[in-house]
Amino acid sequence: MRQNNIGFRPLPFCSVLITLCLYVLGFVSCSGNLDLLGMFYTMSDGADTRFEQSQAYNATKTIDTLKVASEQYPLYVFTDVHVDKTVFNLDTFTTTYLADTTAAPFCLCIGDMINAQGNYPKFMTFIDKMRAAGREVYATPGNHDIYFGQWSIYRDYWKTSSYYFIVQTPSGKHDLYICLDSSDGTLGNKQTRWLDSLLEAKKTEDLRQRIVFTHTHFWKIDQSQGHTSNFAIEETLEIADLFARNNVDIVLQGHSHHRNITNFKNVTYLRLDKMEDHYYNSFYTILNVGEQVTWRYVPVGPYHEGYNEVRIEGR
């Protein structure tokens, strides 16, 4: 007698694996600290929409022009603070920056301010403290800042993520700073066209330095971030060519938590260390901006007792 084939059949291995991954993804995404869905697809507005909203705000105000007290000025820069339960390093940075009377009247925050939901008020307490002391903070969002659909919250605090401003020295020299929103690993079509037009318009101006800052680094040299918010190589090459053709001097980036210097077509891509609590290798960066730009990494946190700061000469 022929045995019928009706009954239990094992699922193919790939089906089991996919099902298991979906269960794990759904479970972990319920965590307040991990937005795994956001790692694959932004739950916030996309790059083009964020750019349009930023430009709508920019149209309501004039371009900032800041005056510095000397021809060379120390510029404090920090990134990847990932504020969650503690704010030790951010507190140290704020105290040190405000105590430095030679520092520029502004600093740069290059994204991943917070780790997850609910931490913006804690982070903004320190921004308010710097602003109350007469120091401005210019920021760009990181991928963590828009996870869990938080772009609307970011915009409530910062208003814009794509903009530029000018710094003027006592002798009348000008440095151009451009902030780009790369928080989901692309500039998008509209921001790229805006960047192209802006750099082309500024190309003939007598600018001393052209400095770009954004969160996601353009040159991925390891797997530390996996697939998360990384530029496609085609976009990297397109933007790199745009920077080179328009005399950009330096591009400041974060995201991977480890420093790196890449020089491509006479443009320096400086990737900065994280400033997150509880890590031995946490640093912020001080740039000395003048006819040339040099920088040094400053260790921060209790794990750095007796650890000498590292100085690296720049371009």
C-alpha atoms as a PDB file:
ATOM      1  CA  MET A   1       0.000   0.000   0.000  1.00  0.00           C
ATOM      2  CA  ARG A   2       1.310   3.424  -0.912  1.00  0.00           C
ATOM      3  CA  GLN A   3       1.796   5.715   2.071  1.00  0.00           C
ATOM      4  CA  ASN A   4       0.206   9.142   1.631  1.00  0.00           C
ATOM      5  CA  ASN A   5       2.318  12.243   2.030  1.00  0.00           C
ATOM      6  CA  ILE A   6      -0.106  14.200   4.154  1.00  0.00           C
ATOM      7  CA  GLY A   7       1.338  15.120   7.548  1.00  0.00           C
ATOM      8  CA  PHE A   8       4.132  17.154   9.144  1.00  0.00           C
ATOM      9  CA  ARG A   9       6.885  18.370   6.848  1.00  0.00           C
ATOM     10  CA  PRO A  10       9.919  20.190   8.211  1.00  0.00           C
ATOM     11  CA  LEU A  11      10.203  23.774   7.025  1.00  0.00           C
ATOM     12  CA  PRO A  12      13.208  24.589   4.889  1.00  0.00           C
ATOM     13  CA  PHE A  13      16.119  25.924   6.952  1.00  0.00           C
ATOM     14  CA  CYS A  14      16.013  29.360   5.308  1.00  0.00           C
ATOM     15  CA  SER A  15      12.323  29.755   6.188  1.00  0.00           C
ATOM     16  CA  VAL A  16      13.019  28.888   9.817  1.00  0.00           C
ATOM     17  CA  LEU A  17      15.914  31.331   9.918  1.00  0.00           C
ATOM     18  CA  ILE A  18      13.886  34.165   8.388  1.00  0.00           C
ATOM     19  CA  THR A  19      10.994  33.526  10.790  1.00  0.00           C
ATOM     20  CA  LEU A  20      13.345  33.479  13.774  1.00  0.00           C
ATOM     21  CA  CYS A  21      15.005  36.718  12.643  1.00  0.00           C
ATOM     22  CA  LEU A  22      11.627  38.407  12.297  1.00  0.00           C
ATOM     23  CA  TYR A  23      10.645  37.340  15.811  1.00  0.00           C
ATOM     24  CA  VAL A  24      13.950  38.599  17.229  1.00  0.00           C
ATOM     25  CA  LEU A  25      13.645  41.839  15.256  1.00  0.00           C
ATOM     26  CA  GLY A  26      10.148  42.456  16.560  1.00  0.00           C
ATOM     27  CA  PHE A  27      11.121  41.612  20.140  1.00  0.00           C
ATOM     28  CA  VAL A  28      14.259  43.747  20.229  1.00  0.00           C
ATOM     29  CA  SER A  29      12.524  46.663  18.510  1.00  0.00           C
ATOM     30  CA  CYS A  30      10.264  46.883  21.559  1.00  0.00           C
ATOM     31  CA  SER A  31      13.337  47.897  23.552  1.00  0.00           C
ATOM     32  CA  GLY A  32      13.625  51.568  24.421  1.00  0.00           C
ATOM     33  CA  ASN A  33      17.251  51.648  23.261  1.00  0.00           C
ATOM     34  CA  LEU A  34      17.225  49.757  19.968  1.00  0.00           C
ATOM     35  CA  ASP A  35      15.319  50.724  16.851  1.00  0.00           C
ATOM     36  CA  LEU A  36      16.276  47.875  14.555  1.00  0.00           C
ATOM     37  CA  LEU A  37      13.526  48.741  12.097  1.00  0.00           C
ATOM     38  CA  GLY A  38      14.967  52.245  11.893  1.00  0.00           C
ATOM     39  CA  MET A  39      18.343  50.741  11.007  1.00  0.00           C
ATOM     40  CA  PHE A  40      16.849  49.362   7.800  1.00  0.00           C
ATOM     41  CA  TYR A  41      14.284  52.041   6.965  1.00  0.00           C
ATOM     42  CA  THR A  42      13.877  55.451   8.562  1.00  0.00           C
ATOM     43  CA  MET A  43      10.631  55.865  10.455  1.00  0.00           C
ATOM     44  CA  SER A  44      11.158  59.626  10.312  1.00  0.00           C
ATOM     45  CA  ASP A  45      10.641  61.816   7.253  1.00  0.00           C
ATOM     46  CA  GLY A  46      13.072  60.979   4.451  1.00  0.00           C
ATOM     47  CA  ALA A  47      16.094  63.010   3.374  1.00  0.00           C
ATOM     48  CA  ASP A  48      14.269  65.134   0.774  1.00  0.00           C
ATOM     49  CA  THR A  49      11.413  65.963   3.153  1.00  0.00           C
ATOM     50  CA  ARG A  50      13.777  66.843   5.991  1.00  0.00           C
ATOM     51  CA  PHE A  51      15.679  69.112   3.615  1.00  0.00           C
ATOM     52  CA  GLU A  52      12.509  70.894   2.504  1.00  0.00           C
ATOM     53  CA  GLN A  53      11.475  71.475   6.108  1.00  0.00           C
ATOM     54  CA  SER A  54      14.944  72.781   6.965  1.00  0.00           C
ATOM     55  CA  GLN A  55      14.953  75.177   4.027  1.00  0.00           C
ATOM     56  CA  ALA A  56      11.504  76.457   4.979  1.00  0.00           C
ATOM     57  CA  TYR A  57      12.900  77.422   8.385  1.00  0.00           C
ATOM     58  CA  ASN A  58      16.122  78.855   6.905  1.00  0.00           C
ATOM     59  CA  ALA A  59      14.036  81.173   4.733  1.00  0.00           C
ATOM     60  CA  THR A  60      12.660  82.854   7.862  1.00  0.00           C
ATOM     61  CA  LYS A  61      16.068  84.083   9.076  1.00  0.00           C
ATOM     62  CA  THR A  62      19.247  85.669   7.816  1.00  0.00           C
ATOM     63  CA  ILE A  63      22.493  83.736   7.396  1.00  0.00           C
ATOM     64  CA  ASP A  64      24.512  83.788  10.626  1.00  0.00           C
ATOM     65  CA  THR A  65      27.805  85.688  10.534  1.00  0.00           C
ATOM     66  CA  LEU A  66      29.913  85.223  13.645  1.00  0.00           C
ATOM     67  CA  LYS A  67      32.903  87.365  14.547  1.00  0.00           C
ATOM     68  CA  VAL A  68      35.907  85.830  16.255  1.00  0.00           C
ATOM     69  CA  ALA A  69      38.458  87.742  18.318  1.00  0.00           C
ATOM     70  CA  SER A  70      41.610  86.530  16.576  1.00  0.00           C
ATOM     71  CA  GLU A  71      42.868  85.376  13.200  1.00  0.00           C
ATOM     72  CA  GLN A  72      43.272  81.856  14.558  1.00  0.00           C
ATOM     73  CA  TYR A  73      40.632  80.420  16.840  1.00  0.00           C
ATOM     74  CA  PRO A  74      40.173  77.155  18.765  1.00  0.00           C
ATOM     75  CA  LEU A  75      36.986  75.405  17.680  1.00  0.00           C
ATOM     76  CA  TYR A  76      35.530  72.747  19.997  1.00  0.00           C
ATOM     77  CA  VAL A  77      33.862  69.799  18.250  1.00  0.00           C
ATOM     78  CA  PHE A  78      32.146  66.760  19.743  1.00  0.00           C
ATOM     79  CA  THR A  79      30.182  63.826  18.398  1.00  0.00           C
ATOM     80  CA  ASP A  80      28.480  60.556  19.362  1.00  0.00           C
ATOM     81  CA  VAL A  81      27.671  61.459  22.967  1.00  0.00           C
ATOM     82  CA  HIS A  82      24.744  58.994  23.018  1.00  0.00           C
ATOM     83  CA  VAL A  83      23.231  60.535  26.136  1.00  0.00           C
ATOM     84  CA  ASP A  84      21.224  57.947  28.021  1.00  0.00           C
ATOM     85  CA  LYS A  85      21.477  57.373  31.768  1.00  0.00           C
ATOM     86  CA  THR A  86      24.564  59.532  32.396  1.00  0.00           C
ATOM     87  CA  VAL A  87      26.045  62.796  31.116  1.00  0.00           C
ATOM     88  CA  PHE A  88      29.544  62.740  32.639  1.00  0.00           C
ATOM     89  CA  ASN A  89      31.542  63.488  29.484  1.00  0.00           C
ATOM     90  CA  LEU A  90      29.079  66.048  28.193  1.00  0.00           C
ATOM     91  CA  ASP A  91      29.268  67.857  31.526  1.00  0.00           C
ATOM     92  CA  THR A  92      33.073  67.850  31.389  1.00  0.00           C
ATOM     93  CA  PHE A  93      33.081  69.118  27.802  1.00  0.00           C
ATOM     94  CA  THR A  94      30.653  71.942  28.617  1.00  0.00           C
ATOM     95  CA  THR A  95      32.592  73.049  31.693  1.00  0.00           C
ATOM     96  CA  THR A  96      35.933  72.980  29.871  1.00  0.00           C
ATOM     97  CA  TYR A  97      34.620  74.774  26.802  1.00  0.00           C
ATOM     98  CA  LEU A  98      32.983  77.567  28.792  1.00  0.00           C
ATOM     99  CA  ALA A  99      36.141  78.048  30.857  1.00  0.00           C
ATOM    100  CA  ASP A 100      38.282  78.493  27.730  1.00  0.00           C
ATOM    101  CA  THR A 101      38.289  82.242  27.125  1.00  0.00           C
ATOM    102  CA  THR A 102      40.244  81.829  23.878  1.00  0.00           C
ATOM    103  CA  ALA A 103      37.700  79.464  22.303  1.00  0.00           C
ATOM    104  CA  ALA A 104      35.485  80.406  19.386  1.00  0.00           C
ATOM    105  CA  PRO A 105      32.034  81.680  20.392  1.00  0.00           C
ATOM    106  CA  PHE A 106      30.512  78.566  18.832  1.00  0.00           C
ATOM    107  CA  CYS A 107      31.086  74.820  18.842  1.00  0.00           C
ATOM    108  CA  LEU A 108      29.969  71.961  16.607  1.00  0.00           C
ATOM    109  CA  CYS A 109      27.968  68.878  17.558  1.00  0.00           C
ATOM    110  CA  ILE A 110      28.220  66.236  14.827  1.00  0.00           C
ATOM    111  CA  GLY A 111      25.312  63.990  15.695  1.00  0.00           C
ATOM    112  CA  ASP A 112      24.152  61.058  17.813  1.00  0.00           C
ATOM    113  CA  MET A 113      23.423  63.412  20.667  1.00  0.00           C
ATOM    114  CA  ILE A 114      21.181  60.846  22.327  1.00  0.00           C
ATOM    115  CA  ASN A 115      20.967  57.089  22.388  1.00  0.00           C
ATOM    116  CA  ALA A 116      17.209  56.578  22.236  1.00  0.00           C
ATOM    117  CA  GLN A 117      13.837  58.030  23.142  1.00  0.00           C
ATOM    118  CA  GLY A 118      13.308  60.429  26.014  1.00  0.00           C
ATOM    119  CA  ASN A 119      16.836  61.831  26.281  1.00  0.00           C
ATOM    120  CA  TYR A 120      16.592  65.090  24.328  1.00  0.00           C
ATOM    121  CA  PRO A 121      15.660  67.192  27.412  1.00  0.00           C
ATOM    122  CA  LYS A 122      18.680  65.853  29.303  1.00  0.00           C
ATOM    123  CA  PHE A 123      21.014  66.652  26.392  1.00  0.00           C
ATOM    124  CA  MET A 124      19.509  70.079  25.713  1.00  0.00           C
ATOM    125  CA  THR A 125      20.140  71.157  29.314  1.00  0.00           C
ATOM    126  CA  PHE A 126      23.830  71.472  28.413  1.00  0.00           C
ATOM    127  CA  ILE A 127      23.123  73.206  25.108  1.00  0.00           C
ATOM    128  CA  ASP A 128      21.026  75.760  26.985  1.00  0.00           C
ATOM    129  CA  LYS A 129      23.881  76.249  29.446  1.00  0.00           C
ATOM    130  CA  MET A 130      26.327  77.012  26.620  1.00  0.00           C
ATOM    131  CA  ARG A 131      23.894  79.364  24.928  1.00  0.00           C
ATOM    132  CA  ALA A 132      23.193  81.182  28.197  1.00  0.00           C
ATOM    133  CA  ALA A 133      26.951  81.850  28.432  1.00  0.00           C
ATOM    134  CA  GLY A 134      26.947  83.435  24.977  1.00  0.00           C
ATOM    135  CA  ARG A 135      28.263  80.401  23.076  1.00  0.00           C
ATOM    136  CA  GLU A 136      26.305  79.080  20.099  1.00  0.00           C
ATOM    137  CA  VAL A 137      26.055  75.395  19.214  1.00  0.00           C
ATOM    138  CA  TYR A 138      25.660  74.298  15.590  1.00  0.00           C
ATOM    139  CA  ALA A 139      24.478  70.736  15.174  1.00  0.00           C
ATOM    140  CA  THR A 140      23.710  68.050  12.652  1.00  0.00           C
ATOM    141  CA  PRO A 141      21.561  64.977  13.390  1.00  0.00           C
ATOM    142  CA  GLY A 142      22.917  61.450  13.598  1.00  0.00           C
ATOM    143  CA  ASN A 143      21.057  58.226  12.951  1.00  0.00           C
ATOM    144  CA  HIS A 144      20.220  57.810  16.657  1.00  0.00           C
ATOM    145  CA  ASP A 145      18.747  61.320  16.719  1.00  0.00           C
ATOM    146  CA  ILE A 146      16.051  60.356  14.221  1.00  0.00           C
ATOM    147  CA  TYR A 147      15.473  56.763  15.345  1.00  0.00           C
ATOM    148  CA  PHE A 148      11.973  55.961  16.618  1.00  0.00           C
ATOM    149  CA  GLY A 149      10.565  58.669  14.341  1.00  0.00           C
ATOM    150  CA  GLN A 150      12.266  61.396  16.391  1.00  0.00           C
ATOM    151  CA  TRP A 151      12.975  63.832  13.544  1.00  0.00           C
ATOM    152  CA  SER A 152       9.987  65.930  14.612  1.00  0.00           C
ATOM    153  CA  ILE A 153      11.460  66.196  18.121  1.00  0.00           C
ATOM    154  CA  TYR A 154      14.877  67.090  16.729  1.00  0.00           C
ATOM    155  CA  ARG A 155      13.281  69.797  14.607  1.00  0.00           C
ATOM    156  CA  ASP A 156      11.445  71.218  17.628  1.00  0.00           C
ATOM    157  CA  TYR A 157      14.812  71.819  19.302  1.00  0.00           C
ATOM    158  CA  TRP A 158      17.124  72.589  16.368  1.00  0.00           C
ATOM    159  CA  LYS A 159      14.729  73.798  13.619  1.00  0.00           C
ATOM    160  CA  THR A 160      17.031  72.866  10.731  1.00  0.00           C
ATOM    161  CA  SER A 161      19.592  70.265   9.701  1.00  0.00           C
ATOM    162  CA  SER A 162      20.874  71.676   6.385  1.00  0.00           C
ATOM    163  CA  TYR A 163      22.333  75.180   6.504  1.00  0.00           C
ATOM    164  CA  TYR A 164      25.498  77.242   6.402  1.00  0.00           C
ATOM    165  CA  PHE A 165      27.054  80.141   8.278  1.00  0.00           C
ATOM    166  CA  ILE A 166      30.068  82.445   7.990  1.00  0.00           C
ATOM    167  CA  VAL A 167      32.855  83.209  10.474  1.00  0.00           C
ATOM    168  CA  GLN A 168      34.664  86.551  10.148  1.00  0.00           C
ATOM    169  CA  THR A 169      38.124  87.299  11.582  1.00  0.00           C
ATOM    170  CA  PRO A 170      39.312  90.746  12.786  1.00  0.00           C
ATOM    171  CA  SER A 171      41.121  91.343   9.466  1.00  0.00           C
ATOM    172  CA  GLY A 172      37.974  90.562   7.494  1.00  0.00           C
ATOM    173  CA  LYS A 173      38.818  87.028   6.365  1.00  0.00           C
ATOM    174  CA  HIS A 174      35.901  84.614   6.089  1.00  0.00           C
ATOM    175  CA  ASP A 175      35.470  80.903   6.785  1.00  0.00           C
ATOM    176  CA  LEU A 176      32.470  79.056   5.390  1.00  0.00           C
ATOM    177  CA  TYR A 177      30.798  76.290   7.424  1.00  0.00           C
ATOM    178  CA  ILE A 178      28.249  73.973   5.791  1.00  0.00           C
ATOM    179  CA  CYS A 179      26.066  71.568   7.769  1.00  0.00           C
ATOM    180  CA  LEU A 180      24.731  68.511   5.916  1.00  0.00           C
ATOM    181  CA  ASP A 181      22.062  66.080   7.109  1.00  0.00           C
ATOM    182  CA  SER A 182      23.301  62.518   6.508  1.00  0.00           C
ATOM    183  CA  SER A 183      21.441  60.895   9.396  1.00  0.00           C
ATOM    184  CA  ASP A 184      20.006  58.064   7.309  1.00  0.00           C
ATOM    185  CA  GLY A 185      23.075  57.527   5.137  1.00  0.00           C
ATOM    186  CA  THR A 186      22.252  59.751   2.159  1.00  0.00           C
ATOM    187  CA  LEU A 187      22.029  63.434   1.337  1.00  0.00           C
ATOM    188  CA  GLY A 188      19.060  62.857  -0.949  1.00  0.00           C
ATOM    189  CA  ASN A 189      18.557  64.498  -4.323  1.00  0.00           C
ATOM    190  CA  LYS A 190      17.365  67.918  -3.138  1.00  0.00           C
ATOM    191  CA  GLN A 191      20.079  68.480  -0.544  1.00  0.00           C
ATOM    192  CA  THR A 192      22.729  67.402  -3.051  1.00  0.00           C
ATOM    193  CA  ARG A 193      21.489  69.903  -5.636  1.00  0.00           C
ATOM    194  CA  TRP A 194      21.428  72.632  -2.972  1.00  0.00           C
ATOM    195  CA  LEU A 195      24.985  71.754  -1.929  1.00  0.00           C
ATOM    196  CA  ASP A 196      26.173  71.856  -5.540  1.00  0.00           C
ATOM    197  CA  SER A 197      24.592  75.278  -6.102  1.00  0.00           C
ATOM    198  CA  LEU A 198      25.909  76.667  -2.814  1.00  0.00           C
ATOM    199  CA  LEU A 199      29.485  75.533  -3.398  1.00  0.00           C
ATOM    200  CA  GLU A 200      29.411  76.785  -6.983  1.00  0.00           C
ATOM    201  CA  ALA A 201      28.158  80.203  -5.820  1.00  0.00           C
ATOM    202  CA  LYS A 202      30.850  80.389  -3.111  1.00  0.00           C
ATOM    203  CA  LYS A 203      33.654  79.092  -5.295  1.00  0.00           C
ATOM    204  CA  THR A 204      34.724  82.514  -6.531  1.00  0.00           C
ATOM    205  CA  GLU A 205      34.434  84.205  -3.134  1.00  0.00           C
ATOM    206  CA  ASP A 206      37.620  84.970  -1.230  1.00  0.00           C
ATOM    207  CA  LEU A 207      37.112  82.380   1.497  1.00  0.00           C
ATOM    208  CA  ARG A 208      39.931  81.257   3.747  1.00  0.00           C
ATOM    209  CA  GLN A 209      38.481  77.873   4.744  1.00  0.00           C
ATOM    210  CA  ARG A 210      35.553  75.835   3.468  1.00  0.00           C
ATOM    211  CA  ILE A 211      34.543  73.402   6.208  1.00  0.00           C
ATOM    212  CA  VAL A 212      31.758  70.826   5.922  1.00  0.00           C
ATOM    213  CA  PHE A 213      30.372  68.899   8.900  1.00  0.00           C
ATOM    214  CA  THR A 214      27.982  65.960   8.904  1.00  0.00           C
ATOM    215  CA  HIS A 215      27.389  62.812  10.948  1.00  0.00           C
ATOM    216  CA  THR A 216      27.803  59.840   8.602  1.00  0.00           C
ATOM    217  CA  HIS A 217      31.323  59.353   7.299  1.00  0.00           C
ATOM    218  CA  PHE A 218      31.806  59.117   3.556  1.00  0.00           C
ATOM    219  CA  TRP A 219      34.623  56.565   3.530  1.00  0.00           C
ATOM    220  CA  LYS A 220      33.716  53.281   5.167  1.00  0.00           C
ATOM    221  CA  ILE A 221      36.910  51.426   5.995  1.00  0.00           C
ATOM    222  CA  ASP A 222      35.603  48.749   8.388  1.00  0.00           C
ATOM    223  CA  GLN A 223      32.425  46.950   9.448  1.00  0.00           C
ATOM    224  CA  SER A 224      31.979  48.739  12.776  1.00  0.00           C
ATOM    225  CA  GLN A 225      28.602  50.126  11.702  1.00  0.00           C
ATOM    226  CA  GLY A 226      27.511  47.202   9.549  1.00  0.00           C
ATOM    227  CA  HIS A 227      24.811  48.402   7.179  1.00  0.00           C
ATOM    228  CA  THR A 228      23.611  51.241   9.420  1.00  0.00           C
ATOM    229  CA  SER A 229      23.260  54.613   7.726  1.00  0.00           C
ATOM    230  CA  ASN A 230      26.250  54.310   5.421  1.00  0.00           C
ATOM    231  CA  PHE A 231      26.642  56.081   2.089  1.00  0.00           C
ATOM    232  CA  ALA A 232      26.513  54.030  -1.065  1.00  0.00           C
ATOM    233  CA  ILE A 233      29.923  54.152  -2.738  1.00  0.00           C
ATOM    234  CA  GLU A 234      28.374  55.771  -5.838  1.00  0.00           C
ATOM    235  CA  GLU A 235      27.074  58.672  -3.721  1.00  0.00           C
ATOM    236  CA  THR A 236      30.375  58.976  -1.879  1.00  0.00           C
ATOM    237  CA  LEU A 237      32.251  59.354  -5.162  1.00  0.00           C
ATOM    238  CA  GLU A 238      29.723  61.871  -6.488  1.00  0.00           C
ATOM    239  CA  ILE A 239      29.909  64.045  -3.372  1.00  0.00           C
ATOM    240  CA  ALA A 240      33.689  63.682  -3.109  1.00  0.00           C
ATOM    241  CA  ASP A 241      34.046  64.966  -6.660  1.00  0.00           C
ATOM    242  CA  LEU A 242      31.720  67.871  -5.841  1.00  0.00           C
ATOM    243  CA  PHE A 243      33.859  68.770  -2.786  1.00  0.00           C
ATOM    244  CA  ALA A 244      37.075  68.595  -4.780  1.00  0.00           C
ATOM    245  CA  ARG A 245      35.793  70.692  -7.687  1.00  0.00           C
ATOM    246  CA  ASN A 246      34.673  73.432  -5.314  1.00  0.00           C
ATOM    247  CA  ASN A 247      37.747  73.680  -3.086  1.00  0.00           C
ATOM    248  CA  VAL A 248      36.334  72.234   0.130  1.00  0.00           C
ATOM    249  CA  ASP A 249      39.207  72.040   2.621  1.00  0.00           C
ATOM    250  CA  ILE A 250      38.021  69.694   5.346  1.00  0.00           C
ATOM    251  CA  VAL A 251      35.012  67.453   6.047  1.00  0.00           C
ATOM    252  CA  LEU A 252      34.245  66.632   9.703  1.00  0.00           C
ATOM    253  CA  GLN A 253      32.409  63.364  10.412  1.00  0.00           C
ATOM    254  CA  GLY A 254      31.478  61.004  13.245  1.00  0.00           C
ATOM    255  CA  HIS A 255      29.333  57.846  13.298  1.00  0.00           C
ATOM    256  CA  SER A 256      31.872  55.004  13.574  1.00  0.00           C
ATOM    257  CA  HIS A 257      33.239  56.163  16.983  1.00  0.00           C
ATOM    258  CA  HIS A 258      36.885  55.908  15.922  1.00  0.00           C
ATOM    259  CA  ARG A 259      39.174  58.534  14.436  1.00  0.00           C
ATOM    260  CA  ASN A 260      40.413  58.309  10.894  1.00  0.00           C
ATOM    261  CA  ILE A 261      41.977  60.650   8.350  1.00  0.00           C
ATOM    262  CA  THR A 262      41.320  60.136   4.647  1.00  0.00           C
ATOM    263  CA  ASN A 263      42.712  62.455   1.991  1.00  0.00           C
ATOM    264  CA  PHE A 264      41.028  62.302  -1.395  1.00  0.00           C
ATOM    265  CA  LYS A 265      41.508  64.776  -4.231  1.00  0.00           C
ATOM    266  CA  ASN A 266      43.111  67.281  -1.853  1.00  0.00           C
ATOM    267  CA  VAL A 267      40.144  67.220   0.566  1.00  0.00           C
ATOM    268  CA  THR A 268      40.748  66.054   4.143  1.00  0.00           C
ATOM    269  CA  TYR A 269      38.047  63.836   5.646  1.00  0.00           C
ATOM    270  CA  LEU A 270      38.494  63.899   9.408  1.00  0.00           C
ATOM    271  CA  ARG A 271      36.491  61.307  11.311  1.00  0.00           C
ATOM    272  CA  LEU A 272      36.272  61.995  15.046  1.00  0.00           C
ATOM    273  CA  ASP A 273      36.191  59.810  18.138  1.00  0.00           C
ATOM    274  CA  LYS A 274      33.024  59.339  20.156  1.00  0.00           C
ATOM    275  CA  MET A 275      32.442  61.206  23.425  1.00  0.00           C
ATOM    276  CA  GLU A 276      30.139  58.588  24.936  1.00  0.00           C
ATOM    277  CA  ASP A 277      30.376  57.809  28.664  1.00  0.00           C
ATOM    278  CA  HIS A 278      31.941  54.617  30.033  1.00  0.00           C
ATOM    279  CA  TYR A 279      34.488  54.069  27.282  1.00  0.00           C
ATOM    280  CA  TYR A 280      38.244  54.316  27.632  1.00  0.00           C
ATOM    281  CA  ASN A 281      38.802  55.862  24.220  1.00  0.00           C
ATOM    282  CA  SER A 282      36.407  58.813  24.499  1.00  0.00           C
ATOM    283  CA  PHE A 283      37.601  62.149  23.153  1.00  0.00           C
ATOM    284  CA  TYR A 284      36.409  65.485  21.917  1.00  0.00           C
ATOM    285  CA  THR A 285      38.360  67.454  19.319  1.00  0.00           C
ATOM    286  CA  ILE A 286      39.730  70.988  19.241  1.00  0.00           C
ATOM    287  CA  LEU A 287      40.482  72.422  15.818  1.00  0.00           C
ATOM    288  CA  ASN A 288      42.772  75.414  15.467  1.00  0.00           C
ATOM    289  CA  VAL A 289      41.338  77.273  12.473  1.00  0.00           C
ATOM    290  CA  GLY A 290      43.530  79.774  10.688  1.00  0.00           C
ATOM    291  CA  GLU A 291      45.392  79.871   7.376  1.00  0.00           C
ATOM    292  CA  GLN A 292      45.698  76.150   7.979  1.00  0.00           C
ATOM    293  CA  VAL A 293      43.610  73.846  10.139  1.00  0.00           C
ATOM    294  CA  THR A 294      45.244  71.666  12.781  1.00  0.00           C
ATOM    295  CA  TRP A 295      43.544  69.569  15.411  1.00  0.00           C
ATOM    296  CA  ARG A 296      44.062  67.664  18.608  1.00  0.00           C
ATOM    297  CA  TYR A 297      42.020  65.002  20.356  1.00  0.00           C
ATOM    298  CA  VAL A 298      41.338  65.620  24.031  1.00  0.00           C
ATOM    299  CA  PRO A 299      40.622  62.603  26.269  1.00  0.00           C
ATOM    300  CA  VAL A 300      37.588  62.857  28.475  1.00  0.00           C
ATOM    301  CA  GLY A 301      36.155  60.681  31.236  1.00  0.00           C
ATOM    302  CA  PRO A 302      37.408  58.940  34.379  1.00  0.00           C
ATOM    303  CA  TYR A 303      39.248  56.257  32.403  1.00  0.00           C
ATOM    304  CA  HIS A 304      41.719  58.812  31.075  1.00  0.00           C
ATOM    305  CA  GLU A 305      43.618  59.725  34.247  1.00  0.00           C
ATOM    306  CA  GLY A 306      47.198  60.384  33.286  1.00  0.00           C
ATOM    307  CA  TYR A 307      46.460  59.717  29.632  1.00  0.00           C
ATOM    308  CA  ASN A 308      48.176  62.306  27.427  1.00  0.00           C
ATOM    309  CA  GLU A 309      46.145  64.024  24.758  1.00  0.00           C
ATOM    310  CA  VAL A 310      47.064  63.139  21.200  1.00  0.00           C
ATOM    311  CA  ARG A 311      48.032  65.933  18.836  1.00  0.00           C
ATOM    312  CA  ILE A 312      47.818  65.472  15.097  1.00  0.00           C
ATOM    313  CA  GLU A 313      48.817  68.188  12.687  1.00  0.00           C
ATOM    314  CA  GLY A 314      46.325  68.921   9.936  1.00  0.00           C
ATOM    315  CA  ARG A 315      46.168  70.665   6.615  1.00  0.00           C
END
